[in-house]
């Protein structure tokens, strides 16, 4: 698994979503995809 973007870690901390939370992986995946879409808006990287 690739290292998540630096911003996602800060956002997850702001949400107070601990790594043991049931939805952590789903939120992390969605957040990383959202950041990727903002970073590369005209290319599909998925």
N, C-alpha and C. Protein backbone atom coordinates (compact mmCIF):
# COMPACT_ATOMS: atom_id res chain seq x y z
N UNK A 1 0.84 -1.18 0.00
CA UNK A 1 0.00 0.00 0.00
C UNK A 1 0.88 1.24 0.00
N UNK A 2 0.54 2.19 -0.83
CA UNK A 2 1.31 3.43 -0.91
C UNK A 2 1.07 4.28 0.32
N UNK A 3 2.06 5.07 0.66
CA UNK A 3 1.94 5.96 1.81
C UNK A 3 0.90 7.03 1.50
N UNK A 4 -0.02 7.30 2.42
CA UNK A 4 -1.06 8.29 2.16
C UNK A 4 -0.48 9.70 2.07
N UNK A 5 -1.15 10.57 1.35
CA UNK A 5 -0.70 11.96 1.28
C UNK A 5 -0.62 12.57 2.67
N UNK A 6 0.32 13.46 2.86
CA UNK A 6 0.56 14.05 4.19
C UNK A 6 -0.68 14.74 4.74
N UNK A 7 -1.45 15.39 3.88
CA UNK A 7 -2.65 16.08 4.33
C UNK A 7 -3.69 15.17 4.92
N UNK A 8 -3.77 13.95 4.42
CA UNK A 8 -4.80 13.04 4.91
C UNK A 8 -4.58 12.68 6.38
N UNK A 9 -3.33 12.54 6.78
CA UNK A 9 -3.05 12.23 8.19
C UNK A 9 -3.54 13.33 9.11
N UNK A 10 -3.31 14.58 8.71
CA UNK A 10 -3.77 15.71 9.52
C UNK A 10 -5.29 15.75 9.59
N UNK A 11 -5.94 15.49 8.47
CA UNK A 11 -7.41 15.53 8.44
C UNK A 11 -7.99 14.41 9.30
N UNK A 12 -7.41 13.21 9.20
CA UNK A 12 -7.88 12.10 10.02
C UNK A 12 -7.71 12.42 11.51
N UNK A 13 -6.62 13.08 11.86
CA UNK A 13 -6.42 13.49 13.25
C UNK A 13 -7.46 14.52 13.68
N UNK A 14 -7.76 15.47 12.77
CA UNK A 14 -8.77 16.48 13.08
C UNK A 14 -10.14 15.85 13.29
N UNK A 15 -10.41 14.77 12.56
CA UNK A 15 -11.69 14.07 12.72
C UNK A 15 -11.71 13.21 13.97
N UNK A 16 -10.55 13.11 14.62
CA UNK A 16 -10.39 12.26 15.80
C UNK A 16 -10.81 10.82 15.51
N UNK A 17 -10.41 10.37 14.32
CA UNK A 17 -10.72 9.02 13.89
C UNK A 17 -9.48 8.16 14.12
N UNK A 18 -9.49 7.41 15.20
CA UNK A 18 -8.35 6.56 15.53
C UNK A 18 -8.22 5.40 14.58
N UNK A 19 -7.02 4.85 14.49
CA UNK A 19 -6.78 3.74 13.57
C UNK A 19 -7.57 2.49 13.94
N UNK A 20 -8.08 2.41 15.15
CA UNK A 20 -8.87 1.26 15.56
C UNK A 20 -10.37 1.46 15.29
N UNK A 21 -10.75 2.62 14.82
CA UNK A 21 -12.16 2.89 14.54
C UNK A 21 -12.64 1.99 13.41
N UNK A 22 -13.88 1.52 13.48
CA UNK A 22 -14.40 0.60 12.47
C UNK A 22 -14.35 1.15 11.04
N UNK A 23 -14.55 2.43 10.86
CA UNK A 23 -14.59 3.00 9.51
C UNK A 23 -13.29 3.63 9.06
N UNK A 24 -12.21 3.44 9.81
CA UNK A 24 -10.94 4.13 9.52
C UNK A 24 -10.45 3.86 8.10
N UNK A 25 -10.39 2.59 7.69
CA UNK A 25 -9.86 2.24 6.37
C UNK A 25 -10.72 2.82 5.26
N UNK A 26 -12.03 2.78 5.42
CA UNK A 26 -12.93 3.31 4.40
C UNK A 26 -12.77 4.83 4.27
N UNK A 27 -12.68 5.51 5.41
CA UNK A 27 -12.51 6.96 5.39
C UNK A 27 -11.16 7.32 4.80
N UNK A 28 -10.11 6.58 5.16
CA UNK A 28 -8.78 6.84 4.64
C UNK A 28 -8.74 6.67 3.12
N UNK A 29 -9.36 5.61 2.63
CA UNK A 29 -9.39 5.35 1.19
C UNK A 29 -10.14 6.46 0.45
N UNK A 30 -11.30 6.85 0.97
CA UNK A 30 -12.09 7.91 0.34
C UNK A 30 -11.35 9.24 0.38
N UNK A 31 -10.71 9.54 1.49
CA UNK A 31 -9.96 10.79 1.62
C UNK A 31 -8.78 10.83 0.66
N UNK A 32 -8.05 9.72 0.55
CA UNK A 32 -6.92 9.66 -0.37
C UNK A 32 -7.38 9.83 -1.81
N UNK A 33 -8.52 9.24 -2.15
CA UNK A 33 -9.04 9.37 -3.51
C UNK A 33 -9.46 10.82 -3.78
N UNK A 34 -10.10 11.45 -2.80
CA UNK A 34 -10.52 12.84 -2.92
C UNK A 34 -9.31 13.75 -3.14
N UNK A 35 -8.27 13.54 -2.36
CA UNK A 35 -7.05 14.34 -2.51
C UNK A 35 -6.43 14.10 -3.88
N UNK A 36 -6.40 12.86 -4.34
CA UNK A 36 -5.85 12.55 -5.66
C UNK A 36 -6.66 13.23 -6.76
N UNK A 37 -7.97 13.25 -6.62
CA UNK A 37 -8.82 13.91 -7.63
C UNK A 37 -8.54 15.41 -7.66
N UNK A 38 -8.30 16.01 -6.51
CA UNK A 38 -7.98 17.44 -6.47
C UNK A 38 -6.59 17.71 -7.04
N UNK A 39 -5.68 16.77 -6.82
CA UNK A 39 -4.31 16.95 -7.27
C UNK A 39 -4.18 16.72 -8.78
N UNK A 40 -4.89 15.71 -9.29
CA UNK A 40 -4.80 15.34 -10.70
C UNK A 40 -6.22 15.33 -11.29
N UNK A 41 -6.83 16.50 -11.48
CA UNK A 41 -8.25 16.55 -11.88
C UNK A 41 -8.55 16.01 -13.28
N UNK A 42 -7.63 16.04 -14.18
CA UNK A 42 -7.92 15.64 -15.56
C UNK A 42 -7.44 14.25 -15.91
N UNK A 43 -6.98 13.49 -14.94
CA UNK A 43 -6.51 12.13 -15.21
C UNK A 43 -7.17 11.17 -14.25
N UNK A 44 -7.46 10.01 -14.76
CA UNK A 44 -8.02 8.98 -13.90
C UNK A 44 -6.88 8.10 -13.42
N UNK A 45 -6.64 8.12 -12.12
CA UNK A 45 -5.53 7.31 -11.60
C UNK A 45 -6.04 6.05 -10.93
N UNK A 46 -7.35 5.77 -11.07
CA UNK A 46 -7.92 4.58 -10.44
C UNK A 46 -8.40 3.62 -11.48
